[in-house]
Amino acid sequence: MYENQFSIYGFEWVDLDHRDESVIVYRRKGKDPADDLLIILNLTPVVRRDWKVYTHGKSAWKEIFNSDAKKYWGTGDVFNPSVGMRLVDKDADKYEINLQLPPLGSIILK
């Protein structure tokens, strides 16, 4: 991620439309799209189940970090062993990602 650290090409807002739920989603972009990270922040003490995030250009994501994991002193109850995805717009290369968001936490997908 350091390659595009100070470049406008290294960051992209993905979802800022959920202010009422205090969920923010952004993408950190590397020079190789395979290195992109999707960061999802849930800034409330409420677990968000079946949370939908819409993104483009990448058809497979894997959870690589979850702040609710027991090794980070979380409950270990809210995690995404497999990330559910479906194509919603073939022409725009747009995908819907279905996630479980931990309370007051973050997850990172790669």
PDB file of N, CA and C in Angstrom:
ATOM      1  N   MET A   1       0.809  -1.196   0.000  1.00  0.00           N
ATOM      2  CA  MET A   1       0.000   0.000   0.000  1.00  0.00           C
ATOM      3  C   MET A   1       0.856   1.265   0.000  1.00  0.00           C
ATOM      4  N   TYR A   2       2.082   1.152   0.388  1.00  0.00           N
ATOM      5  CA  TYR A   2       2.935   2.328   0.453  1.00  0.00           C
ATOM      6  C   TYR A   2       3.193   2.931  -0.928  1.00  0.00           C
ATOM      7  N   GLU A   3       3.053   2.122  -1.987  1.00  0.00           N
ATOM      8  CA  GLU A   3       3.351   2.605  -3.340  1.00  0.00           C
ATOM      9  C   GLU A   3       2.462   3.792  -3.731  1.00  0.00           C
ATOM     10  N   ASN A   4       1.210   3.773  -3.319  1.00  0.00           N
ATOM     11  CA  ASN A   4       0.283   4.851  -3.655  1.00  0.00           C
ATOM     12  C   ASN A   4      -0.134   5.653  -2.429  1.00  0.00           C
ATOM     13  N   GLN A   5       0.700   5.640  -1.403  1.00  0.00           N
ATOM     14  CA  GLN A   5       0.342   6.256  -0.134  1.00  0.00           C
ATOM     15  C   GLN A   5      -0.011   7.736  -0.261  1.00  0.00           C
ATOM     16  N   PHE A   6       0.716   8.485  -1.044  1.00  0.00           N
ATOM     17  CA  PHE A   6       0.491   9.920  -1.168  1.00  0.00           C
ATOM     18  C   PHE A   6      -0.070  10.298  -2.531  1.00  0.00           C
ATOM     19  N   SER A   7      -0.735   9.354  -3.160  1.00  0.00           N
ATOM     20  CA  SER A   7      -1.300   9.564  -4.492  1.00  0.00           C
ATOM     21  C   SER A   7      -2.822   9.495  -4.417  1.00  0.00           C
ATOM     22  N   ILE A   8      -3.487  10.255  -5.272  1.00  0.00           N
ATOM     23  CA  ILE A   8      -4.949  10.182  -5.337  1.00  0.00           C
ATOM     24  C   ILE A   8      -5.410   8.827  -5.841  1.00  0.00           C
ATOM     25  N   TYR A   9      -4.526   8.068  -6.451  1.00  0.00           N
ATOM     26  CA  TYR A   9      -4.873   6.751  -6.992  1.00  0.00           C
ATOM     27  C   TYR A   9      -4.812   5.652  -5.942  1.00  0.00           C
ATOM     28  N   GLY A  10      -4.423   5.972  -4.720  1.00  0.00           N
ATOM     29  CA  GLY A  10      -4.301   4.971  -3.667  1.00  0.00           C
ATOM     30  C   GLY A  10      -5.496   4.869  -2.743  1.00  0.00           C
ATOM     31  N   PHE A  11      -6.530   5.693  -2.978  1.00  0.00           N
ATOM     32  CA  PHE A  11      -7.676   5.739  -2.068  1.00  0.00           C
ATOM     33  C   PHE A  11      -8.955   5.956  -2.864  1.00  0.00           C
ATOM     34  N   GLU A  12     -10.034   5.290  -2.432  1.00  0.00           N
ATOM     35  CA  GLU A  12     -11.338   5.477  -3.070  1.00  0.00           C
ATOM     36  C   GLU A  12     -12.433   5.294  -2.029  1.00  0.00           C
ATOM     37  N   TRP A  13     -13.318   6.290  -1.905  1.00  0.00           N
ATOM     38  CA  TRP A  13     -14.500   6.113  -1.068  1.00  0.00           C
ATOM     39  C   TRP A  13     -15.408   5.123  -1.763  1.00  0.00           C
ATOM     40  N   VAL A  14     -15.919   4.141  -1.031  1.00  0.00           N
ATOM     41  CA  VAL A  14     -16.819   3.144  -1.600  1.00  0.00           C
ATOM     42  C   VAL A  14     -18.251   3.391  -1.150  1.00  0.00           C
ATOM     43  N   ASP A  15     -18.448   3.669   0.140  1.00  0.00           N
ATOM     44  CA  ASP A  15     -19.803   3.863   0.650  1.00  0.00           C
ATOM     45  C   ASP A  15     -19.794   4.883   1.783  1.00  0.00           C
ATOM     46  N   LEU A  16     -20.395   6.039   1.508  1.00  0.00           N
ATOM     47  CA  LEU A  16     -20.592   7.063   2.529  1.00  0.00           C
ATOM     48  C   LEU A  16     -22.078   7.346   2.721  1.00  0.00           C
ATOM     49  N   ASP A  17     -22.933   6.482   2.218  1.00  0.00           N
ATOM     50  CA  ASP A  17     -24.375   6.706   2.234  1.00  0.00           C
ATOM     51  C   ASP A  17     -25.070   6.148   3.469  1.00  0.00           C
ATOM     52  N   HIS A  18     -24.323   5.657   4.437  1.00  0.00           N
ATOM     53  CA  HIS A  18     -24.930   5.064   5.624  1.00  0.00           C
ATOM     54  C   HIS A  18     -24.522   5.833   6.883  1.00  0.00           C
ATOM     55  N   ARG A  19     -24.648   7.148   6.814  1.00  0.00           N
ATOM     56  CA  ARG A  19     -24.294   7.989   7.960  1.00  0.00           C
ATOM     57  C   ARG A  19     -25.161   7.684   9.175  1.00  0.00           C
ATOM     58  N   ASP A  20     -26.448   7.410   8.936  1.00  0.00           N
ATOM     59  CA  ASP A  20     -27.353   7.125  10.051  1.00  0.00           C
ATOM     60  C   ASP A  20     -26.934   5.876  10.825  1.00  0.00           C
ATOM     61  N   GLU A  21     -26.347   4.912  10.128  1.00  0.00           N
ATOM     62  CA  GLU A  21     -25.884   3.683  10.773  1.00  0.00           C
ATOM     63  C   GLU A  21     -24.417   3.769  11.185  1.00  0.00           C
ATOM     64  N   SER A  22     -23.756   4.860  10.830  1.00  0.00           N
ATOM     65  CA  SER A  22     -22.334   5.082  11.150  1.00  0.00           C
ATOM     66  C   SER A  22     -21.438   3.970  10.618  1.00  0.00           C
ATOM     67  N   VAL A  23     -21.663   3.590   9.365  1.00  0.00           N
ATOM     68  CA  VAL A  23     -20.809   2.607   8.694  1.00  0.00           C
ATOM     69  C   VAL A  23     -20.111   3.317   7.530  1.00  0.00           C
ATOM     70  N   ILE A  24     -18.791   3.161   7.467  1.00  0.00           N
ATOM     71  CA  ILE A  24     -17.981   3.791   6.426  1.00  0.00           C
ATOM     72  C   ILE A  24     -17.198   2.702   5.703  1.00  0.00           C
ATOM     73  N   VAL A  25     -17.139   2.802   4.375  1.00  0.00           N
ATOM     74  CA  VAL A  25     -16.398   1.821   3.583  1.00  0.00           C
ATOM     75  C   VAL A  25     -15.489   2.565   2.608  1.00  0.00           C
ATOM     76  N   TYR A  26     -14.205   2.188   2.596  1.00  0.00           N
ATOM     77  CA  TYR A  26     -13.284   2.756   1.621  1.00  0.00           C
ATOM     78  C   TYR A  26     -12.319   1.695   1.128  1.00  0.00           C
ATOM     79  N   ARG A  27     -11.645   2.031   0.041  1.00  0.00           N
ATOM     80  CA  ARG A  27     -10.721   1.095  -0.608  1.00  0.00           C
ATOM     81  C   ARG A  27      -9.331   1.713  -0.648  1.00  0.00           C
ATOM     82  N   ARG A  28      -8.344   0.941  -0.189  1.00  0.00           N
ATOM     83  CA  ARG A  28      -6.940   1.319  -0.339  1.00  0.00           C
ATOM     84  C   ARG A  28      -6.420   0.553  -1.527  1.00  0.00           C
ATOM     85  N   LYS A  29      -5.836   1.271  -2.463  1.00  0.00           N
ATOM     86  CA  LYS A  29      -5.455   0.679  -3.735  1.00  0.00           C
ATOM     87  C   LYS A  29      -3.933   0.635  -3.894  1.00  0.00           C
ATOM     88  N   GLY A  30      -3.478  -0.527  -4.327  1.00  0.00           N
ATOM     89  CA  GLY A  30      -2.067  -0.680  -4.644  1.00  0.00           C
ATOM     90  C   GLY A  30      -1.859  -0.512  -6.136  1.00  0.00           C
ATOM     91  N   LYS A  31      -0.634  -0.633  -6.579  1.00  0.00           N
ATOM     92  CA  LYS A  31      -0.369  -0.553  -8.027  1.00  0.00           C
ATOM     93  C   LYS A  31      -0.980  -1.742  -8.751  1.00  0.00           C
ATOM     94  N   ASP A  32      -0.997  -2.896  -8.088  1.00  0.00           N
ATOM     95  CA  ASP A  32      -1.628  -4.089  -8.633  1.00  0.00           C
ATOM     96  C   ASP A  32      -3.012  -4.209  -7.997  1.00  0.00           C
ATOM     97  N   PRO A  33      -4.099  -4.238  -8.791  1.00  0.00           N
ATOM     98  CA  PRO A  33      -5.444  -4.335  -8.216  1.00  0.00           C
ATOM     99  C   PRO A  33      -5.640  -5.541  -7.290  1.00  0.00           C
ATOM    100  N   ALA A  34      -4.846  -6.580  -7.457  1.00  0.00           N
ATOM    101  CA  ALA A  34      -4.951  -7.739  -6.568  1.00  0.00           C
ATOM    102  C   ALA A  34      -4.547  -7.393  -5.135  1.00  0.00           C
ATOM    103  N   ASP A  35      -3.821  -6.296  -4.957  1.00  0.00           N
ATOM    104  CA  ASP A  35      -3.381  -5.872  -3.631  1.00  0.00           C
ATOM    105  C   ASP A  35      -4.364  -4.927  -2.943  1.00  0.00           C
ATOM    106  N   ASP A  36      -5.452  -4.574  -3.603  1.00  0.00           N
ATOM    107  CA  ASP A  36      -6.426  -3.655  -3.022  1.00  0.00           C
ATOM    108  C   ASP A  36      -7.021  -4.218  -1.734  1.00  0.00           C
ATOM    109  N   LEU A  37      -7.307  -3.318  -0.801  1.00  0.00           N
ATOM    110  CA  LEU A  37      -7.948  -3.675   0.459  1.00  0.00           C
ATOM    111  C   LEU A  37      -9.258  -2.919   0.575  1.00  0.00           C
ATOM    112  N   LEU A  38     -10.279  -3.589   1.080  1.00  0.00           N
ATOM    113  CA  LEU A  38     -11.570  -2.971   1.342  1.00  0.00           C
ATOM    114  C   LEU A  38     -11.723  -2.884   2.856  1.00  0.00           C
ATOM    115  N   ILE A  39     -11.837  -1.651   3.367  1.00  0.00           N
ATOM    116  CA  ILE A  39     -11.919  -1.422   4.800  1.00  0.00           C
ATOM    117  C   ILE A  39     -13.347  -1.022   5.147  1.00  0.00           C
ATOM    118  N   ILE A  40     -13.966  -1.739   6.089  1.00  0.00           N
ATOM    119  CA  ILE A  40     -15.334  -1.472   6.507  1.00  0.00           C
ATOM    120  C   ILE A  40     -15.304  -1.178   8.003  1.00  0.00           C
ATOM    121  N   LEU A  41     -15.800   0.003   8.384  1.00  0.00           N
ATOM    122  CA  LEU A  41     -15.806   0.444   9.772  1.00  0.00           C
ATOM    123  C   LEU A  41     -17.244   0.559  10.276  1.00  0.00           C
ATOM    124  N   ASN A  42     -17.559  -0.116  11.353  1.00  0.00           N
ATOM    125  CA  ASN A  42     -18.855   0.010  12.013  1.00  0.00           C
ATOM    126  C   ASN A  42     -18.596   0.780  13.300  1.00  0.00           C
ATOM    127  N   LEU A  43     -19.046   2.024  13.351  1.00  0.00           N
ATOM    128  CA  LEU A  43     -18.722   2.908  14.459  1.00  0.00           C
ATOM    129  C   LEU A  43     -19.821   2.968  15.518  1.00  0.00           C
ATOM    130  N   THR A  44     -20.647   1.932  15.592  1.00  0.00           N
ATOM    131  CA  THR A  44     -21.702   1.859  16.603  1.00  0.00           C
ATOM    132  C   THR A  44     -21.553   0.557  17.392  1.00  0.00           C
ATOM    133  N   PRO A  45     -22.187   0.467  18.573  1.00  0.00           N
ATOM    134  CA  PRO A  45     -22.114  -0.767  19.365  1.00  0.00           C
ATOM    135  C   PRO A  45     -23.131  -1.821  18.921  1.00  0.00           C
ATOM    136  N   VAL A  46     -23.615  -1.720  17.694  1.00  0.00           N
ATOM    137  CA  VAL A  46     -24.627  -2.628  17.162  1.00  0.00           C
ATOM    138  C   VAL A  46     -24.003  -3.547  16.126  1.00  0.00           C
ATOM    139  N   VAL A  47     -24.250  -4.858  16.259  1.00  0.00           N
ATOM    140  CA  VAL A  47     -23.802  -5.815  15.241  1.00  0.00           C
ATOM    141  C   VAL A  47     -24.642  -5.595  13.982  1.00  0.00           C
ATOM    142  N   ARG A  48     -24.010  -5.532  12.835  1.00  0.00           N
ATOM    143  CA  ARG A  48     -24.718  -5.369  11.558  1.00  0.00           C
ATOM    144  C   ARG A  48     -24.642  -6.699  10.814  1.00  0.00           C
ATOM    145  N   ARG A  49     -25.760  -7.396  10.763  1.00  0.00           N
ATOM    146  CA  ARG A  49     -25.821  -8.693  10.068  1.00  0.00           C
ATOM    147  C   ARG A  49     -26.334  -8.487   8.656  1.00  0.00           C
ATOM    148  N   ASP A  50     -25.839  -9.300   7.743  1.00  0.00           N
ATOM    149  CA  ASP A  50     -26.244  -9.236   6.328  1.00  0.00           C
ATOM    150  C   ASP A  50     -26.121  -7.818   5.770  1.00  0.00           C
ATOM    151  N   TRP A  51     -24.990  -7.178   6.056  1.00  0.00           N
ATOM    152  CA  TRP A  51     -24.717  -5.823   5.576  1.00  0.00           C
ATOM    153  C   TRP A  51     -24.282  -5.891   4.112  1.00  0.00           C
ATOM    154  N   LYS A  52     -24.878  -5.078   3.288  1.00  0.00           N
ATOM    155  CA  LYS A  52     -24.577  -5.077   1.851  1.00  0.00           C
ATOM    156  C   LYS A  52     -23.619  -3.937   1.511  1.00  0.00           C
ATOM    157  N   VAL A  53     -22.554  -4.278   0.824  1.00  0.00           N
ATOM    158  CA  VAL A  53     -21.588  -3.308   0.307  1.00  0.00           C
ATOM    159  C   VAL A  53     -21.498  -3.538  -1.191  1.00  0.00           C
ATOM    160  N   TYR A  54     -21.476  -2.465  -1.955  1.00  0.00           N
ATOM    161  CA  TYR A  54     -21.389  -2.574  -3.411  1.00  0.00           C
ATOM    162  C   TYR A  54     -20.037  -2.050  -3.870  1.00  0.00           C
ATOM    163  N   THR A  55     -19.376  -2.855  -4.677  1.00  0.00           N
ATOM    164  CA  THR A  55     -18.062  -2.483  -5.180  1.00  0.00           C
ATOM    165  C   THR A  55     -17.932  -2.947  -6.619  1.00  0.00           C
ATOM    166  N   HIS A  56     -16.849  -2.594  -7.251  1.00  0.00           N
ATOM    167  CA  HIS A  56     -16.651  -2.953  -8.660  1.00  0.00           C
ATOM    168  C   HIS A  56     -15.231  -3.459  -8.880  1.00  0.00           C
ATOM    169  N   GLY A  57     -15.079  -4.160  -9.985  1.00  0.00           N
ATOM    170  CA  GLY A  57     -13.750  -4.519 -10.465  1.00  0.00           C
ATOM    171  C   GLY A  57     -13.086  -5.741  -9.866  1.00  0.00           C
ATOM    172  N   LYS A  58     -13.588  -6.258  -8.787  1.00  0.00           N
ATOM    173  CA  LYS A  58     -12.945  -7.413  -8.174  1.00  0.00           C
ATOM    174  C   LYS A  58     -14.034  -8.384  -7.760  1.00  0.00           C
ATOM    175  N   SER A  59     -13.950  -9.618  -8.253  1.00  0.00           N
ATOM    176  CA  SER A  59     -15.041 -10.576  -8.046  1.00  0.00           C
ATOM    177  C   SER A  59     -14.824 -11.514  -6.867  1.00  0.00           C
ATOM    178  N   ALA A  60     -13.734 -11.383  -6.145  1.00  0.00           N
ATOM    179  CA  ALA A  60     -13.491 -12.260  -4.996  1.00  0.00           C
ATOM    180  C   ALA A  60     -12.770 -11.477  -3.904  1.00  0.00           C
ATOM    181  N   TRP A  61     -13.283 -11.584  -2.682  1.00  0.00           N
ATOM    182  CA  TRP A  61     -12.668 -10.951  -1.517  1.00  0.00           C
ATOM    183  C   TRP A  61     -12.561 -11.985  -0.402  1.00  0.00           C
ATOM    184  N   LYS A  62     -11.594 -11.781   0.466  1.00  0.00           N
ATOM    185  CA  LYS A  62     -11.392 -12.664   1.616  1.00  0.00           C
ATOM    186  C   LYS A  62     -11.119 -11.789   2.834  1.00  0.00           C
ATOM    187  N   GLU A  63     -11.731 -12.141   3.962  1.00  0.00           N
ATOM    188  CA  GLU A  63     -11.486 -11.390   5.192  1.00  0.00           C
ATOM    189  C   GLU A  63     -10.078 -11.698   5.693  1.00  0.00           C
ATOM    190  N   ILE A  64      -9.258 -10.646   5.860  1.00  0.00           N
ATOM    191  CA  ILE A  64      -7.892 -10.846   6.372  1.00  0.00           C
ATOM    192  C   ILE A  64      -7.707 -10.236   7.759  1.00  0.00           C
ATOM    193  N   PHE A  65      -8.668  -9.403   8.187  1.00  0.00           N
ATOM    194  CA  PHE A  65      -8.603  -8.811   9.528  1.00  0.00           C
ATOM    195  C   PHE A  65     -10.020  -8.574  10.029  1.00  0.00           C
ATOM    196  N   ASN A  66     -10.235  -8.887  11.304  1.00  0.00           N
ATOM    197  CA  ASN A  66     -11.513  -8.624  11.949  1.00  0.00           C
ATOM    198  C   ASN A  66     -11.208  -8.236  13.392  1.00  0.00           C
ATOM    199  N   SER A  67     -11.556  -7.012  13.765  1.00  0.00           N
ATOM    200  CA  SER A  67     -11.225  -6.532  15.110  1.00  0.00           C
ATOM    201  C   SER A  67     -12.001  -7.268  16.207  1.00  0.00           C
ATOM    202  N   ASP A  68     -13.015  -8.039  15.837  1.00  0.00           N
ATOM    203  CA  ASP A  68     -13.778  -8.816  16.825  1.00  0.00           C
ATOM    204  C   ASP A  68     -13.155 -10.183  17.107  1.00  0.00           C
ATOM    205  N   ALA A  69     -12.035 -10.493  16.463  1.00  0.00           N
ATOM    206  CA  ALA A  69     -11.372 -11.781  16.688  1.00  0.00           C
ATOM    207  C   ALA A  69     -10.858 -11.860  18.133  1.00  0.00           C
ATOM    208  N   LYS A  70     -10.880 -13.052  18.683  1.00  0.00           N
ATOM    209  CA  LYS A  70     -10.439 -13.247  20.072  1.00  0.00           C
ATOM    210  C   LYS A  70      -8.984 -12.839  20.275  1.00  0.00           C
ATOM    211  N   LYS A  71      -8.157 -12.998  19.254  1.00  0.00           N
ATOM    212  CA  LYS A  71      -6.743 -12.623  19.426  1.00  0.00           C
ATOM    213  C   LYS A  71      -6.566 -11.119  19.584  1.00  0.00           C
ATOM    214  N   TYR A  72      -7.612 -10.347  19.257  1.00  0.00           N
ATOM    215  CA  TYR A  72      -7.595  -8.889  19.475  1.00  0.00           C
ATOM    216  C   TYR A  72      -8.513  -8.519  20.646  1.00  0.00           C
ATOM    217  N   TRP A  73      -8.849  -9.482  21.481  1.00  0.00           N
ATOM    218  CA  TRP A  73      -9.693  -9.333  22.664  1.00  0.00           C
ATOM    219  C   TRP A  73     -11.145  -9.011  22.299  1.00  0.00           C
ATOM    220  N   GLY A  74     -11.577  -9.469  21.130  1.00  0.00           N
ATOM    221  CA  GLY A  74     -12.982  -9.355  20.747  1.00  0.00           C
ATOM    222  C   GLY A  74     -13.756 -10.574  21.203  1.00  0.00           C
ATOM    223  N   THR A  75     -15.029 -10.624  20.881  1.00  0.00           N
ATOM    224  CA  THR A  75     -15.862 -11.763  21.288  1.00  0.00           C
ATOM    225  C   THR A  75     -15.638 -12.984  20.410  1.00  0.00           C
ATOM    226  N   GLY A  76     -15.233 -12.761  19.166  1.00  0.00           N
ATOM    227  CA  GLY A  76     -15.071 -13.861  18.220  1.00  0.00           C
ATOM    228  C   GLY A  76     -16.382 -14.322  17.622  1.00  0.00           C
ATOM    229  N   ASP A  77     -17.474 -13.623  17.928  1.00  0.00           N
ATOM    230  CA  ASP A  77     -18.800 -14.027  17.468  1.00  0.00           C
ATOM    231  C   ASP A  77     -19.140 -13.545  16.063  1.00  0.00           C
ATOM    232  N   VAL A  78     -18.583 -12.412  15.652  1.00  0.00           N
ATOM    233  CA  VAL A  78     -18.956 -11.815  14.369  1.00  0.00           C
ATOM    234  C   VAL A  78     -17.758 -11.902  13.425  1.00  0.00           C
ATOM    235  N   PHE A  79     -17.869 -12.774  12.430  1.00  0.00           N
ATOM    236  CA  PHE A  79     -16.775 -12.938  11.480  1.00  0.00           C
ATOM    237  C   PHE A  79     -17.339 -13.389  10.144  1.00  0.00           C
ATOM    238  N   ASN A  80     -16.499 -13.389   9.131  1.00  0.00           N
ATOM    239  CA  ASN A  80     -16.898 -13.737   7.769  1.00  0.00           C
ATOM    240  C   ASN A  80     -15.959 -14.799   7.216  1.00  0.00           C
ATOM    241  N   PRO A  81     -16.190 -16.078   7.557  1.00  0.00           N
ATOM    242  CA  PRO A  81     -15.292 -17.135   7.066  1.00  0.00           C
ATOM    243  C   PRO A  81     -15.292 -17.223   5.544  1.00  0.00           C
ATOM    244  N   SER A  82     -16.428 -16.944   4.936  1.00  0.00           N
ATOM    245  CA  SER A  82     -16.479 -16.832   3.482  1.00  0.00           C
ATOM    246  C   SER A  82     -17.298 -15.578   3.174  1.00  0.00           C
ATOM    247  N   VAL A  83     -16.842 -14.845   2.203  1.00  0.00           N
ATOM    248  CA  VAL A  83     -17.489 -13.584   1.843  1.00  0.00           C
ATOM    249  C   VAL A  83     -18.469 -13.840   0.706  1.00  0.00           C
ATOM    250  N   GLY A  84     -19.756 -13.637   1.002  1.00  0.00           N
ATOM    251  CA  GLY A  84     -20.787 -13.847  -0.009  1.00  0.00           C
ATOM    252  C   GLY A  84     -20.821 -12.709  -1.017  1.00  0.00           C
ATOM    253  N   MET A  85     -20.744 -13.068  -2.297  1.00  0.00           N
ATOM    254  CA  MET A  85     -20.746 -12.058  -3.357  1.00  0.00           C
ATOM    255  C   MET A  85     -21.681 -12.477  -4.469  1.00  0.00           C
ATOM    256  N   ARG A  86     -22.248 -11.455  -5.132  1.00  0.00           N
ATOM    257  CA  ARG A  86     -23.018 -11.747  -6.334  1.00  0.00           C
ATOM    258  C   ARG A  86     -22.907 -10.567  -7.282  1.00  0.00           C
ATOM    259  N   LEU A  87     -22.893 -10.870  -8.557  1.00  0.00           N
ATOM    260  CA  LEU A  87     -22.833  -9.856  -9.603  1.00  0.00           C
ATOM    261  C   LEU A  87     -24.198  -9.193  -9.719  1.00  0.00           C
ATOM    262  N   VAL A  88     -24.251  -7.859  -9.622  1.00  0.00           N
ATOM    263  CA  VAL A  88     -25.525  -7.153  -9.720  1.00  0.00           C
ATOM    264  C   VAL A  88     -25.650  -6.344 -11.009  1.00  0.00           C
ATOM    265  N   ASP A  89     -24.517  -6.006 -11.631  1.00  0.00           N
ATOM    266  CA  ASP A  89     -24.544  -5.270 -12.890  1.00  0.00           C
ATOM    267  C   ASP A  89     -23.327  -5.668 -13.719  1.00  0.00           C
ATOM    268  N   LYS A  90     -23.552  -6.533 -14.682  1.00  0.00           N
ATOM    269  CA  LYS A  90     -22.456  -7.054 -15.497  1.00  0.00           C
ATOM    270  C   LYS A  90     -21.772  -5.949 -16.294  1.00  0.00           C
ATOM    271  N   ASP A  91     -22.545  -5.027 -16.858  1.00  0.00           N
ATOM    272  CA  ASP A  91     -21.961  -3.956 -17.676  1.00  0.00           C
ATOM    273  C   ASP A  91     -21.053  -3.035 -16.864  1.00  0.00           C
ATOM    274  N   ALA A  92     -21.429  -2.765 -15.628  1.00  0.00           N
ATOM    275  CA  ALA A  92     -20.631  -1.887 -14.767  1.00  0.00           C
ATOM    276  C   ALA A  92     -19.630  -2.662 -13.917  1.00  0.00           C
ATOM    277  N   ASP A  93     -19.612  -3.998 -14.040  1.00  0.00           N
ATOM    278  CA  ASP A  93     -18.724  -4.847 -13.251  1.00  0.00           C
ATOM    279  C   ASP A  93     -18.931  -4.572 -11.756  1.00  0.00           C
ATOM    280  N   LYS A  94     -20.210  -4.507 -11.335  1.00  0.00           N
ATOM    281  CA  LYS A  94     -20.578  -4.158  -9.968  1.00  0.00           C
ATOM    282  C   LYS A  94     -21.023  -5.400  -9.205  1.00  0.00           C
ATOM    283  N   TYR A  95     -20.501  -5.535  -7.985  1.00  0.00           N
ATOM    284  CA  TYR A  95     -20.780  -6.687  -7.140  1.00  0.00           C
ATOM    285  C   TYR A  95     -21.392  -6.257  -5.817  1.00  0.00           C
ATOM    286  N   GLU A  96     -22.245  -7.125  -5.290  1.00  0.00           N
ATOM    287  CA  GLU A  96     -22.798  -6.940  -3.950  1.00  0.00           C
ATOM    288  C   GLU A  96     -22.079  -7.903  -3.026  1.00  0.00           C
ATOM    289  N   ILE A  97     -21.556  -7.380  -1.921  1.00  0.00           N
ATOM    290  CA  ILE A  97     -20.873  -8.183  -0.921  1.00  0.00           C
ATOM    291  C   ILE A  97     -21.752  -8.214   0.324  1.00  0.00           C
ATOM    292  N   ASN A  98     -21.978  -9.408   0.859  1.00  0.00           N
ATOM    293  CA  ASN A  98     -22.805  -9.577   2.045  1.00  0.00           C
ATOM    294  C   ASN A  98     -21.891  -9.892   3.232  1.00  0.00           C
ATOM    295  N   LEU A  99     -21.927  -9.040   4.274  1.00  0.00           N
ATOM    296  CA  LEU A  99     -20.998  -9.161   5.392  1.00  0.00           C
ATOM    297  C   LEU A  99     -21.700  -9.094   6.739  1.00  0.00           C
ATOM    298  N   GLN A 100     -21.006  -9.586   7.747  1.00  0.00           N
ATOM    299  CA  GLN A 100     -21.406  -9.424   9.149  1.00  0.00           C
ATOM    300  C   GLN A 100     -20.399  -8.444   9.753  1.00  0.00           C
ATOM    301  N   LEU A 101     -20.885  -7.320  10.282  1.00  0.00           N
ATOM    302  CA  LEU A 101     -19.990  -6.293  10.816  1.00  0.00           C
ATOM    303  C   LEU A 101     -19.990  -6.323  12.347  1.00  0.00           C
ATOM    304  N   PRO A 102     -18.814  -6.412  12.955  1.00  0.00           N
ATOM    305  CA  PRO A 102     -18.746  -6.429  14.419  1.00  0.00           C
ATOM    306  C   PRO A 102     -19.074  -5.048  14.986  1.00  0.00           C
ATOM    307  N   PRO A 103     -19.559  -5.005  16.231  1.00  0.00           N
ATOM    308  CA  PRO A 103     -19.845  -3.720  16.861  1.00  0.00           C
ATOM    309  C   PRO A 103     -18.566  -2.970  17.192  1.00  0.00           C
ATOM    310  N   LEU A 104     -18.597  -1.652  16.991  1.00  0.00           N
ATOM    311  CA  LEU A 104     -17.428  -0.818  17.285  1.00  0.00           C
ATOM    312  C   LEU A 104     -16.149  -1.440  16.731  1.00  0.00           C
ATOM    313  N   GLY A 105     -16.227  -1.894  15.489  1.00  0.00           N
ATOM    314  CA  GLY A 105     -15.091  -2.618  14.941  1.00  0.00           C
ATOM    315  C   GLY A 105     -14.882  -2.388  13.471  1.00  0.00           C
ATOM    316  N   SER A 106     -13.912  -3.100  12.970  1.00  0.00           N
ATOM    317  CA  SER A 106     -13.579  -3.001  11.551  1.00  0.00           C
ATOM    318  C   SER A 106     -13.225  -4.361  10.998  1.00  0.00           C
ATOM    319  N   ILE A 107     -13.430  -4.491   9.698  1.00  0.00           N
ATOM    320  CA  ILE A 107     -12.943  -5.668   8.985  1.00  0.00           C
ATOM    321  C   ILE A 107     -12.198  -5.174   7.759  1.00  0.00           C
ATOM    322  N   ILE A 108     -11.254  -5.972   7.331  1.00  0.00           N
ATOM    323  CA  ILE A 108     -10.485  -5.667   6.125  1.00  0.00           C
ATOM    324  C   ILE A 108     -10.577  -6.874   5.217  1.00  0.00           C
ATOM    325  N   LEU A 109     -10.934  -6.622   3.955  1.00  0.00           N
ATOM    326  CA  LEU A 109     -10.996  -7.664   2.940  1.00  0.00           C
ATOM    327  C   LEU A 109      -9.897  -7.455   1.932  1.00  0.00           C
ATOM    328  N   LYS A 110      -9.344  -8.550   1.436  1.00  0.00           N
ATOM    329  CA  LYS A 110      -8.332  -8.483   0.365  1.00  0.00           C
ATOM    330  C   LYS A 110      -8.749  -9.420  -0.725  1.00  0.00           C
TER     331      LYS A 110
END
